[in-house]
Protein backbone atom coordinates (compact mmCIF):
# COMPACT_ATOMS: atom_id res chain seq x y z
CA MET A 1 -64.98 54.64 91.14
CA GLU A 2 -68.62 54.10 91.90
CA TRP A 3 -68.11 50.76 93.81
CA LEU A 4 -65.64 52.62 96.23
CA ARG A 5 -68.15 55.66 96.73
CA SER A 6 -71.02 53.10 97.57
CA ILE A 7 -68.86 51.42 100.14
CA ILE A 8 -67.72 54.56 102.16
CA LEU A 9 -70.62 56.85 101.53
CA PRO A 10 -74.36 56.84 102.24
CA LEU A 11 -77.22 56.70 99.74
CA GLN A 12 -77.35 59.69 97.55
CA GLY A 13 -80.82 60.97 98.46
CA SER A 14 -80.67 64.28 96.84
CA GLU A 15 -79.48 66.26 93.89
CA TYR A 16 -76.95 67.98 96.16
CA ALA A 17 -75.69 64.61 97.33
CA GLY A 18 -73.96 63.70 93.91
CA GLU A 19 -72.26 67.11 93.79
CA VAL A 20 -70.82 66.49 97.38
CA ASP A 21 -69.74 63.03 96.54
CA THR A 22 -67.90 63.93 93.47
CA PHE A 23 -65.95 66.60 95.14
CA TYR A 24 -65.34 64.19 98.13
CA MET A 25 -64.05 61.42 96.05
CA PHE A 26 -61.85 63.89 94.02
CA LEU A 27 -60.24 64.70 97.44
CA VAL A 28 -59.84 60.96 98.29
CA TRP A 29 -58.06 60.14 95.04
CA PHE A 30 -56.06 63.65 95.16
CA SER A 31 -54.86 62.74 98.56
CA LEU A 32 -54.08 59.17 97.73
CA PHE A 33 -52.19 60.11 94.57
CA PHE A 34 -49.74 62.67 96.50
CA PHE A 35 -49.47 60.25 99.46
CA VAL A 36 -48.09 57.55 97.22
CA LEU A 37 -46.02 60.16 95.19
CA VAL A 38 -44.35 61.54 98.32
CA ALA A 39 -43.88 58.09 100.00
CA ALA A 40 -42.42 56.74 96.72
CA ILE A 41 -39.92 59.61 96.44
CA ALA A 42 -39.11 59.10 100.19
CA VAL A 43 -38.34 55.55 99.70
CA TYR A 44 -36.48 55.97 96.64
CA SER A 45 -34.26 58.60 98.22
CA VAL A 46 -33.54 56.62 101.17
CA ILE A 47 -32.28 53.65 98.89
CA LYS A 48 -30.51 55.63 96.28
CA PHE A 49 -28.78 58.21 98.49
CA ARG A 50 -27.89 56.10 101.60
CA HIS A 51 -24.76 57.06 103.29
CA LYS A 52 -21.80 55.00 102.16
CA PRO A 53 -18.35 54.98 103.77
CA GLY A 54 -16.08 57.80 102.38
CA ASP A 55 -19.01 59.84 100.98
CA VAL A 56 -19.05 63.50 101.36
CA THR A 57 -22.45 65.29 101.34
CA PRO A 58 -22.29 67.83 98.56
CA HIS A 59 -23.17 71.43 99.27
CA TRP A 60 -26.59 72.39 97.80
CA THR A 61 -27.88 75.95 97.70
CA HIS A 62 -31.18 76.07 95.85
CA ASN A 63 -32.65 75.25 92.56
CA ASN A 64 -35.04 77.96 91.15
CA LEU A 65 -36.82 75.65 88.82
CA LEU A 66 -37.69 73.02 91.46
CA GLU A 67 -38.70 75.63 93.93
CA THR A 68 -41.02 77.38 91.32
CA VAL A 69 -42.54 74.01 90.38
CA TRP A 70 -43.21 72.83 93.92
CA THR A 71 -44.77 76.24 94.73
CA VAL A 72 -46.86 76.89 91.78
CA ILE A 73 -48.41 73.56 91.06
CA PRO A 74 -49.62 73.03 94.79
CA LEU A 75 -51.01 76.36 94.67
CA LEU A 76 -52.91 76.01 91.51
CA LEU A 77 -54.25 72.72 92.77
CA LEU A 78 -55.42 74.33 96.13
CA LEU A 79 -57.13 77.04 94.22
CA VAL A 80 -59.12 74.63 92.27
CA ILE A 81 -59.99 72.86 95.55
CA PHE A 82 -61.00 76.22 97.03
CA PHE A 83 -63.25 77.47 94.37
CA TRP A 84 -64.94 74.13 93.83
CA GLY A 85 -65.49 73.86 97.41
CA LEU A 86 -66.89 77.50 97.50
CA LYS A 87 -69.38 76.97 94.76
CA GLY A 88 -70.78 74.02 96.53
CA TYR A 89 -71.00 76.06 99.69
CA MET A 90 -72.88 78.96 97.91
CA LYS A 91 -75.26 76.60 96.36
CA ALA A 92 -76.12 74.90 99.67
CA GLU A 93 -76.60 78.30 101.29
CA VAL A 94 -79.16 79.72 98.62
CA ALA A 95 -82.46 77.82 98.39
CA PRO A 96 -84.54 78.31 95.40
CA GLY A 97 -87.73 80.61 95.65
CA ASP A 98 -90.20 77.82 95.19
CA ALA A 99 -88.80 75.71 98.16
CA THR A 100 -91.21 74.48 100.83
CA GLU A 101 -90.31 76.14 104.11
CA ILE A 102 -90.47 73.75 107.31
CA GLN A 103 -89.64 75.36 110.70
CA VAL A 104 -87.47 73.12 112.73
CA THR A 105 -87.05 73.42 116.49
CA ALA A 106 -84.38 71.47 118.32
CA LYS A 107 -84.91 70.84 122.03
CA LYS A 108 -83.59 68.30 124.36
CA TRP A 109 -84.12 65.76 123.00
CA VAL A 110 -86.57 65.87 120.08
CA TRP A 111 -87.09 67.54 116.74
CA GLN A 112 -90.22 69.56 116.19
CA PHE A 113 -91.28 70.28 112.60
CA GLU A 114 -93.75 72.91 111.73
CA TYR A 115 -95.45 73.13 108.05
CA PRO A 116 -96.69 76.24 106.35
CA ASP A 117 -100.29 75.16 107.07
CA GLY A 118 -99.66 74.99 110.77
CA ASN A 119 -99.34 71.35 110.93
CA ARG A 120 -96.76 70.06 113.42
CA ALA A 121 -94.82 66.82 114.01
CA ILE A 122 -92.36 65.50 116.53
CA ASN A 123 -89.43 63.37 115.32
CA GLU A 124 -90.76 62.89 111.72
CA VAL A 125 -91.03 65.04 108.79
CA HIS A 126 -92.61 64.48 105.36
CA VAL A 127 -91.71 66.17 102.11
CA VAL A 128 -92.47 65.62 98.46
CA VAL A 129 -90.01 63.78 96.06
CA ASN A 130 -88.18 66.08 93.42
CA LYS A 131 -89.51 69.37 95.11
CA PRO A 132 -87.01 71.60 96.88
CA VAL A 133 -87.52 72.14 100.82
CA LYS A 134 -85.91 74.64 103.10
CA PHE A 135 -85.54 73.87 106.76
CA ILE A 136 -85.36 76.83 109.10
CA LEU A 137 -83.51 75.71 112.13
CA SER A 138 -83.46 77.05 115.66
CA SER A 139 -82.87 75.69 119.20
CA GLU A 140 -84.72 76.28 122.45
CA ASP A 141 -82.00 75.17 124.77
CA VAL A 142 -78.39 74.08 123.92
CA LEU A 143 -76.16 73.65 120.80
CA HIS A 144 -77.64 71.00 118.54
CA ASP A 145 -76.66 69.82 114.91
CA PHE A 146 -79.06 68.87 112.26
CA PHE A 147 -77.57 66.01 110.16
CA VAL A 148 -79.35 64.20 107.29
CA PRO A 149 -76.61 61.89 105.85
CA ASP A 150 -78.37 60.75 102.74
CA MET A 151 -79.10 64.35 101.59
CA ARG A 152 -75.48 65.61 102.63
CA VAL A 153 -76.72 68.51 104.79
CA LYS A 154 -75.41 69.22 108.36
CA HIS A 155 -75.67 72.34 110.18
CA ASP A 156 -75.15 73.59 113.75
CA ILE A 157 -78.03 75.03 115.45
CA ILE A 158 -77.23 77.82 117.96
CA PRO A 159 -79.64 79.05 120.60
CA ASP A 160 -81.26 82.48 119.75
CA ARG A 161 -80.26 82.32 116.13
CA TYR A 162 -81.81 81.02 112.81
CA VAL A 163 -80.04 79.00 110.21
CA GLN A 164 -81.09 77.11 107.34
CA VAL A 165 -80.39 74.12 105.13
CA TRP A 166 -82.12 73.02 101.82
CA PHE A 167 -82.11 70.14 99.41
CA THR A 168 -84.24 68.59 96.74
CA PRO A 169 -84.97 65.01 97.59
CA THR A 170 -84.78 62.48 94.81
CA VAL A 171 -85.25 58.98 96.58
CA PRO A 172 -88.65 58.31 97.97
CA GLY A 173 -88.70 56.31 101.30
CA LYS A 174 -87.46 56.74 104.67
CA HIS A 175 -83.98 58.65 105.49
CA HIS A 176 -82.39 59.15 108.85
CA ILE A 177 -81.93 62.51 110.77
CA GLU A 178 -79.73 62.69 113.77
CA CYS A 179 -78.23 65.41 116.14
CA ALA A 180 -74.54 65.34 115.50
CA GLU A 181 -73.54 67.62 118.37
CA TYR A 182 -73.54 66.17 122.00
CA CYS A 183 -76.30 68.07 123.74
CA GLY A 184 -76.75 66.01 126.94
CA ARG A 185 -77.82 62.70 128.34
CA GLY A 186 -80.42 62.04 125.63
CA HIS A 187 -78.28 62.91 122.81
CA SER A 188 -77.92 59.32 121.32
CA ASP A 189 -81.84 59.45 121.27
CA MET A 190 -82.36 62.52 119.43
CA ALA A 191 -83.17 61.20 116.09
CA ALA A 192 -86.07 61.59 113.54
CA THR A 193 -87.07 60.16 110.32
CA LEU A 194 -87.37 62.00 106.92
CA TYR A 195 -90.15 60.56 104.66
CA VAL A 196 -89.91 61.43 101.15
CA ASP A 197 -93.42 60.87 99.54
CA ASP A 198 -95.23 61.40 96.29
CA GLU A 199 -97.69 64.23 96.16
CA ALA A 200 -100.73 62.09 97.02
CA ALA A 201 -99.04 60.27 100.12
CA TYR A 202 -97.80 63.78 101.36
CA GLU A 203 -101.27 65.41 101.17
CA LYS A 204 -102.76 62.32 102.84
CA TRP A 205 -100.14 62.70 105.66
CA LEU A 206 -101.04 66.23 106.27
CA GLU A 207 -104.79 65.27 106.71
CA THR A 208 -104.26 62.16 108.84
CA GLY A 209 -100.93 62.47 110.17
CA GLY A 210 -100.21 59.15 108.98
CA VAL A 211 -102.31 57.36 111.94
CA ASP A 212 -104.15 54.07 111.09
CA PRO A 213 -107.67 55.20 112.18
CA ASN A 214 -108.41 51.47 112.99
CA MET A 215 -105.33 50.85 115.27
CA PRO A 216 -106.36 50.28 119.01
CA LEU A 217 -105.54 53.30 121.06
CA ASP A 218 -103.15 51.44 123.53
CA LYS A 219 -101.21 49.96 120.71
CA LEU A 220 -101.05 53.43 118.75
CA GLY A 221 -99.94 54.95 122.04
CA ALA A 222 -97.20 52.39 122.40
CA MET A 223 -96.02 53.33 118.93
CA LEU A 224 -96.15 57.04 119.73
CA TYR A 225 -94.01 56.44 122.85
CA GLN A 226 -91.19 55.70 120.67
CA SER A 227 -91.76 57.93 117.55
CA LYS A 228 -92.52 61.03 119.46
CA GLY A 229 -89.49 60.96 121.84
CA CYS A 230 -91.24 60.11 124.88
CA SER A 231 -88.82 57.12 125.59
CA SER A 232 -85.92 59.57 126.03
CA CYS A 233 -87.28 60.80 129.30
CA HIS A 234 -89.87 58.36 130.72
CA SER A 235 -89.04 54.87 131.32
CA LEU A 236 -91.69 51.99 131.47
CA ASP A 237 -89.88 50.00 134.20
CA GLY A 238 -90.06 52.38 137.14
CA SER A 239 -86.40 53.68 136.73
CA VAL A 240 -85.99 57.52 137.20
CA GLY A 241 -84.86 59.27 134.05
CA GLN A 242 -85.09 62.88 133.08
CA GLY A 243 -88.86 62.64 133.68
CA PRO A 244 -91.00 60.47 135.93
CA SER A 245 -91.46 56.98 135.02
CA TRP A 246 -94.85 55.95 133.41
CA LYS A 247 -95.07 52.65 135.16
CA GLY A 248 -97.96 52.42 137.64
CA VAL A 249 -98.60 56.13 137.65
CA PHE A 250 -102.17 56.07 136.41
CA GLY A 251 -104.65 56.03 139.44
CA HIS A 252 -102.10 56.98 142.01
CA ASN A 253 -101.38 60.19 143.81
CA VAL A 254 -98.50 62.22 142.44
CA GLN A 255 -96.77 64.95 144.71
CA LEU A 256 -96.08 68.10 142.98
CA GLU A 257 -93.15 70.52 143.12
CA ASN A 258 -95.49 73.17 144.79
CA GLY A 259 -96.30 70.61 147.62
CA GLN A 260 -99.68 69.79 146.39
CA THR A 261 -100.78 66.15 145.54
CA VAL A 262 -103.02 65.28 142.61
CA LEU A 263 -104.52 62.03 141.31
CA ALA A 264 -102.95 60.89 138.01
CA ASP A 265 -106.23 60.29 136.06
CA GLU A 266 -107.09 60.88 132.51
CA ASN A 267 -107.38 64.74 132.91
CA TYR A 268 -103.99 64.98 134.69
CA ILE A 269 -102.19 62.87 131.94
CA HIS A 270 -103.90 64.82 129.22
CA GLU A 271 -102.89 68.25 130.58
CA SER A 272 -99.31 66.95 131.37
CA ILE A 273 -98.95 65.98 127.71
CA LEU A 274 -100.15 69.13 126.30
CA VAL A 275 -99.01 71.80 128.85
CA PRO A 276 -96.27 69.89 130.83
CA GLY A 277 -95.41 73.03 133.04
CA ALA A 278 -98.89 73.20 134.43
CA LYS A 279 -98.12 70.67 137.25
CA VAL A 280 -94.61 69.59 137.72
CA VAL A 281 -93.77 66.33 139.58
CA LYS A 282 -91.57 66.96 142.57
CA GLY A 283 -87.91 66.18 141.97
CA PHE A 284 -88.06 66.93 138.17
CA ASP A 285 -87.30 69.90 136.06
CA ASN A 286 -89.81 71.01 133.51
CA ILE A 287 -87.76 70.29 130.37
CA MET A 288 -90.53 68.60 128.53
CA PRO A 289 -91.65 70.47 125.30
CA VAL A 290 -95.21 71.75 124.78
CA PHE A 291 -97.16 69.36 122.70
CA GLN A 292 -100.22 71.64 122.46
CA GLY A 293 -101.09 71.81 118.78
CA VAL A 294 -98.38 69.28 117.92
CA LEU A 295 -100.21 66.08 118.82
CA ARG A 296 -103.71 65.42 117.20
CA ASP A 297 -106.59 64.62 119.69
CA ARG A 298 -106.49 60.93 118.83
CA GLU A 299 -102.88 60.82 119.42
CA VAL A 300 -103.20 62.39 122.99
CA ASN A 301 -106.00 59.86 123.70
CA ALA A 302 -103.70 57.15 122.55
CA LEU A 303 -100.90 58.07 124.98
CA VAL A 304 -103.39 58.36 127.69
CA ALA A 305 -104.69 54.84 127.01
CA TYR A 306 -101.27 53.36 126.67
CA ILE A 307 -100.16 54.91 130.14
CA LYS A 308 -103.34 53.29 131.73
CA THR A 309 -101.95 49.97 130.69
CA LEU A 310 -98.73 50.25 132.37
CA LYS A 311 -99.42 48.76 135.91
């Protein structure tokens, strides 16, 4: 029933989602039917054959017909389930030849997406509606899991190995991506947004990155702080996280791991965003991904402008 599917399952955002949901709902009703059947037989047997004074339990050996029925019928049903599931699995593993390939790199605790033309993005990915897309997945550190509920795709990402998922998105708009494998302290913040665009909106995003050219730099920086995953490591209130807090850092001296001290000016912050391993702050490990080639110049300038406002 469609009403039940809509209650217990997310939005169907791809062609594949409909097939997964059909199979899933079959298993739900299949399990419910046999649960009721077995429970009804058990209740009936308890009432019908309850012990009475003077009863003698008859001696039973076996019943060939009964044993054949309860062996063959479940076997056939399980074979149907197996081959139905196998068909769906094989379809999910083989992407069409015209699918757009997007490289996905999982790292603590962000998703990085790279397009065929070299464009890169953090924690957001844009695809074209009704066109197949294939994600080539890899991890830079630990085990992650790429999960897009609306598209019904989910796959573990193992370090030093490539895996893939694909789907054809059919519902324009925003869809949620999350890591479904516990990967450390920032696991719950490791989320991204999948944007399903029409062709024109997709091409515009590739050119501009979806950034409003009229937005003030500090306000854009505040938005990027959330959307690019900065918030998972850098606090704004002075508390220590996986990385140093941004509060009050601009204009002050920073002690580095190598014993040197540098002034946190525009050049230092700019370099720390693009090449975080160049000057590592004392007391912190360099786990920040490299944003060189990922952020556009205006986005870097916006983050610098935002950090300057955090007194």
